[in-house]
C-alpha atoms as a PDB file:
ATOM      1  CA  MET A   1      79.359 108.214  90.666  1.00  0.00           C
ATOM      2  CA  ASN A   2      80.069 104.620  89.742  1.00  0.00           C
ATOM      3  CA  GLU A   3      79.966 102.298  92.629  1.00  0.00           C
ATOM      4  CA  ASN A   4      80.737  98.990  90.556  1.00  0.00           C
ATOM      5  CA  PHE A   5      83.316  96.659  91.667  1.00  0.00           C
ATOM      6  CA  GLY A   6      83.669  94.373  88.149  1.00  0.00           C
ATOM      7  CA  ARG A   7      86.048  91.686  87.064  1.00  0.00           C
ATOM      8  CA  GLN A   8      88.203  94.488  85.495  1.00  0.00           C
ATOM      9  CA  GLU A   9      88.831  95.796  88.616  1.00  0.00           C
ATOM     10  CA  LYS A  10      89.239  92.849  90.702  1.00  0.00           C
ATOM     11  CA  LEU A  11      93.532  92.083  91.541  1.00  0.00           C
ATOM     12  CA  LYS A  12      93.955  88.712  89.855  1.00  0.00           C
ATOM     13  CA  SER A  13      97.369  88.657  88.059  1.00  0.00           C
ATOM     14  CA  LYS A  14     100.071  86.516  90.229  1.00  0.00           C
ATOM     15  CA  ILE A  15     102.771  88.365  88.629  1.00  0.00           C
ATOM     16  CA  LEU A  16     100.961  91.476  89.914  1.00  0.00           C
ATOM     17  CA  ILE A  17     100.274  90.346  93.374  1.00  0.00           C
ATOM     18  CA  ASP A  18     104.090  89.455  93.643  1.00  0.00           C
ATOM     19  CA  LYS A  19     105.122  92.539  92.848  1.00  0.00           C
ATOM     20  CA  LEU A  20     102.785  94.280  94.815  1.00  0.00           C
ATOM     21  CA  PHE A  21     104.041  92.561  97.976  1.00  0.00           C
ATOM     22  CA  THR A  22     107.550  92.848  97.150  1.00  0.00           C
ATOM     23  CA  GLU A  23     107.739  96.410  95.892  1.00  0.00           C
ATOM     24  CA  GLY A  24     104.640  97.957  97.455  1.00  0.00           C
ATOM     25  CA  ARG A  25     104.263 100.435  99.977  1.00  0.00           C
ATOM     26  CA  SER A  26     101.878 100.289 102.921  1.00  0.00           C
ATOM     27  CA  VAL A  27      99.159 102.228 105.257  1.00  0.00           C
ATOM     28  CA  LYS A  28      97.983 100.510 108.571  1.00  0.00           C
ATOM     29  CA  LYS A  29      94.827 101.442 110.357  1.00  0.00           C
ATOM     30  CA  TYR A  30      93.375  98.895 113.041  1.00  0.00           C
ATOM     31  CA  PRO A  31      92.097  96.451 111.636  1.00  0.00           C
ATOM     32  CA  LEU A  32      93.190  96.857 108.069  1.00  0.00           C
ATOM     33  CA  LEU A  33      96.685  97.223 106.296  1.00  0.00           C
ATOM     34  CA  LEU A  34      96.648  98.826 102.718  1.00  0.00           C
ATOM     35  CA  ILE A  35      99.363  97.440 100.759  1.00  0.00           C
ATOM     36  CA  TYR A  36      99.413  99.509  97.338  1.00  0.00           C
ATOM     37  CA  LEU A  37     101.739  99.979  94.392  1.00  0.00           C
ATOM     38  CA  PRO A  38     101.283 102.339  91.337  1.00  0.00           C
ATOM     39  CA  LEU A  39     100.679 100.454  88.263  1.00  0.00           C
ATOM     40  CA  THR A  40     102.915 101.345  85.507  1.00  0.00           C
ATOM     41  CA  ASP A  41     101.038  99.876  82.341  1.00  0.00           C
ATOM     42  CA  ASN A  42      99.147 102.936  80.946  1.00  0.00           C
ATOM     43  CA  SER A  43      96.771 100.555  79.224  1.00  0.00           C
ATOM     44  CA  GLU A  44      94.954  99.798  82.425  1.00  0.00           C
ATOM     45  CA  LYS A  45      91.896 101.731  83.035  1.00  0.00           C
ATOM     46  CA  PHE A  46      90.933 100.834  86.803  1.00  0.00           C
ATOM     47  CA  HIS A  47      92.612 100.295  90.123  1.00  0.00           C
ATOM     48  CA  LYS A  48      93.043  96.751  90.733  1.00  0.00           C
ATOM     49  CA  THR A  49      91.930  95.452  94.335  1.00  0.00           C
ATOM     50  CA  GLY A  50      92.044  92.488  96.375  1.00  0.00           C
ATOM     51  CA  VAL A  51      91.121  91.140  99.567  1.00  0.00           C
ATOM     52  CA  SER A  52      92.680  88.741 102.424  1.00  0.00           C
ATOM     53  CA  VAL A  53      92.057  87.388 105.432  1.00  0.00           C
ATOM     54  CA  PRO A  54      94.437  85.429 106.929  1.00  0.00           C
ATOM     55  CA  LYS A  55      93.541  81.708 107.809  1.00  0.00           C
ATOM     56  CA  ARG A  56      96.209  81.727 110.850  1.00  0.00           C
ATOM     57  CA  ASN A  57      93.972  84.286 112.426  1.00  0.00           C
ATOM     58  CA  HIS A  58      90.342  82.963 111.114  1.00  0.00           C
ATOM     59  CA  LYS A  59      90.027  79.271 111.133  1.00  0.00           C
ATOM     60  CA  LYS A  60      86.374  78.854 109.773  1.00  0.00           C
ATOM     61  CA  ALA A  61      85.842  79.612 105.956  1.00  0.00           C
ATOM     62  CA  VAL A  62      82.773  80.960 106.707  1.00  0.00           C
ATOM     63  CA  ASP A  63      84.206  83.923 108.977  1.00  0.00           C
ATOM     64  CA  ARG A  64      86.891  84.332 106.237  1.00  0.00           C
ATOM     65  CA  ILE A  65      84.422  85.098 103.227  1.00  0.00           C
ATOM     66  CA  LYS A  66      82.293  87.076 105.391  1.00  0.00           C
ATOM     67  CA  LEU A  67      85.197  89.430 106.268  1.00  0.00           C
ATOM     68  CA  LYS A  68      86.050  89.347 102.837  1.00  0.00           C
ATOM     69  CA  ARG A  69      82.664  90.477 101.591  1.00  0.00           C
ATOM     70  CA  LEU A  70      82.672  93.422 104.012  1.00  0.00           C
ATOM     71  CA  MET A  71      85.895  94.300 103.055  1.00  0.00           C
ATOM     72  CA  ARG A  72      84.794  94.575  99.429  1.00  0.00           C
ATOM     73  CA  GLU A  73      81.770  96.338 100.147  1.00  0.00           C
ATOM     74  CA  ALA A  74      83.589  99.060 101.958  1.00  0.00           C
ATOM     75  CA  TYR A  75      85.856  99.601  99.289  1.00  0.00           C
ATOM     76  CA  ARG A  76      83.093  99.546  96.708  1.00  0.00           C
ATOM     77  CA  LYS A  77      81.206 102.305  98.493  1.00  0.00           C
ATOM     78  CA  ASN A  78      84.702 104.342  99.228  1.00  0.00           C
ATOM     79  CA  LYS A  79      86.754 103.917  95.785  1.00  0.00           C
ATOM     80  CA  TYR A  80      85.474 107.288  94.910  1.00  0.00           C
ATOM     81  CA  LEU A  81      88.116 108.833  97.306  1.00  0.00           C
ATOM     82  CA  VAL A  82      90.630 107.599  94.991  1.00  0.00           C
ATOM     83  CA  THR A  83      89.169 107.448  91.476  1.00  0.00           C
ATOM     84  CA  ASN A  84      88.422 111.348  91.876  1.00  0.00           C
ATOM     85  CA  SER A  85      91.833 112.227  93.694  1.00  0.00           C
ATOM     86  CA  LEU A  86      94.610 110.373  91.809  1.00  0.00           C
ATOM     87  CA  ASP A  87      95.473 110.440  88.080  1.00  0.00           C
ATOM     88  CA  SER A  88      97.441 107.465  87.898  1.00  0.00           C
ATOM     89  CA  HIS A  89      96.007 103.614  88.576  1.00  0.00           C
ATOM     90  CA  TYR A  90      96.973 101.313  91.674  1.00  0.00           C
ATOM     91  CA  ALA A  91      96.874  97.809  92.846  1.00  0.00           C
ATOM     92  CA  PHE A  92      95.774  97.629  96.262  1.00  0.00           C
ATOM     93  CA  MET A  93      95.598  94.892  98.760  1.00  0.00           C
ATOM     94  CA  PHE A  94      93.725  95.177 101.859  1.00  0.00           C
ATOM     95  CA  ILE A  95      94.592  92.761 104.543  1.00  0.00           C
ATOM     96  CA  TYR A  96      92.658  92.080 107.737  1.00  0.00           C
ATOM     97  CA  THR A  97      95.063  91.868 110.580  1.00  0.00           C
ATOM     98  CA  CYS A  98      92.638  91.812 113.364  1.00  0.00           C
ATOM     99  CA  ARG A  99      91.945  88.214 115.720  1.00  0.00           C
ATOM    100  CA  GLU A 100      88.294  89.329 116.303  1.00  0.00           C
ATOM    101  CA  LYS A 101      85.662  89.798 113.876  1.00  0.00           C
ATOM    102  CA  VAL A 102      84.750  93.600 114.053  1.00  0.00           C
ATOM    103  CA  SER A 103      81.465  95.326 112.645  1.00  0.00           C
ATOM    104  CA  TYR A 104      80.704  96.768 109.202  1.00  0.00           C
ATOM    105  CA  SER A 105      80.792 100.306 110.427  1.00  0.00           C
ATOM    106  CA  LYS A 106      84.370  99.911 111.961  1.00  0.00           C
ATOM    107  CA  ILE A 107      85.673  98.268 108.414  1.00  0.00           C
ATOM    108  CA  PHE A 108      83.851 101.048 106.555  1.00  0.00           C
ATOM    109  CA  SER A 109      85.295 103.713 108.378  1.00  0.00           C
ATOM    110  CA  THR A 110      88.655 102.403 108.571  1.00  0.00           C
ATOM    111  CA  THR A 111      88.514 101.680 104.617  1.00  0.00           C
ATOM    112  CA  GLN A 112      87.687 105.554 104.511  1.00  0.00           C
ATOM    113  CA  GLU A 113      90.281 106.529 106.517  1.00  0.00           C
ATOM    114  CA  LEU A 114      93.178 104.200 104.839  1.00  0.00           C
ATOM    115  CA  LEU A 115      92.190 105.743 101.242  1.00  0.00           C
ATOM    116  CA  LYS A 116      92.465 109.312 102.767  1.00  0.00           C
ATOM    117  CA  THR A 117      95.491 108.730 103.761  1.00  0.00           C
ATOM    118  CA  LEU A 118      96.773 107.059 100.640  1.00  0.00           C
ATOM    119  CA  VAL A 119      95.548 110.146  98.792  1.00  0.00           C
ATOM    120  CA  GLU A 120      97.481 112.478 101.193  1.00  0.00           C
ATOM    121  CA  LYS A 121     100.597 110.390 100.689  1.00  0.00           C
ATOM    122  CA  GLU A 122     100.667 109.988  96.865  1.00  0.00           C
ATOM    123  CA  LYS A 123      99.106 113.969  96.152  1.00  0.00           C
ATOM    124  CA  LYS A 124     102.658 115.012  97.772  1.00  0.00           C
END
């Protein structure tokens, strides 16, 4: 099981991010929101993933960076749920919606539940 989260898996394309927010579907589970969109380009070999923590809710950059790091780690540990279950590739954006800082275990379990819900929705 590959648990890397390399450069090719990161969501960096401005065009793809804009498309994700305009055409993407979402799944919400406190304290995270997952926006996803199937990638139509068949040359993509990986799921593209990004994380976001709004400045409105967390003023200090230190807090935002720590939450982003925890979210990326939770996705890295749970990405096998989507790579093993889904045939096509997706673009994901995880958004932290809570005003308080929650523990890593809460972020981990929420990420796991979101990815399971995504797989159930897309398998239908």
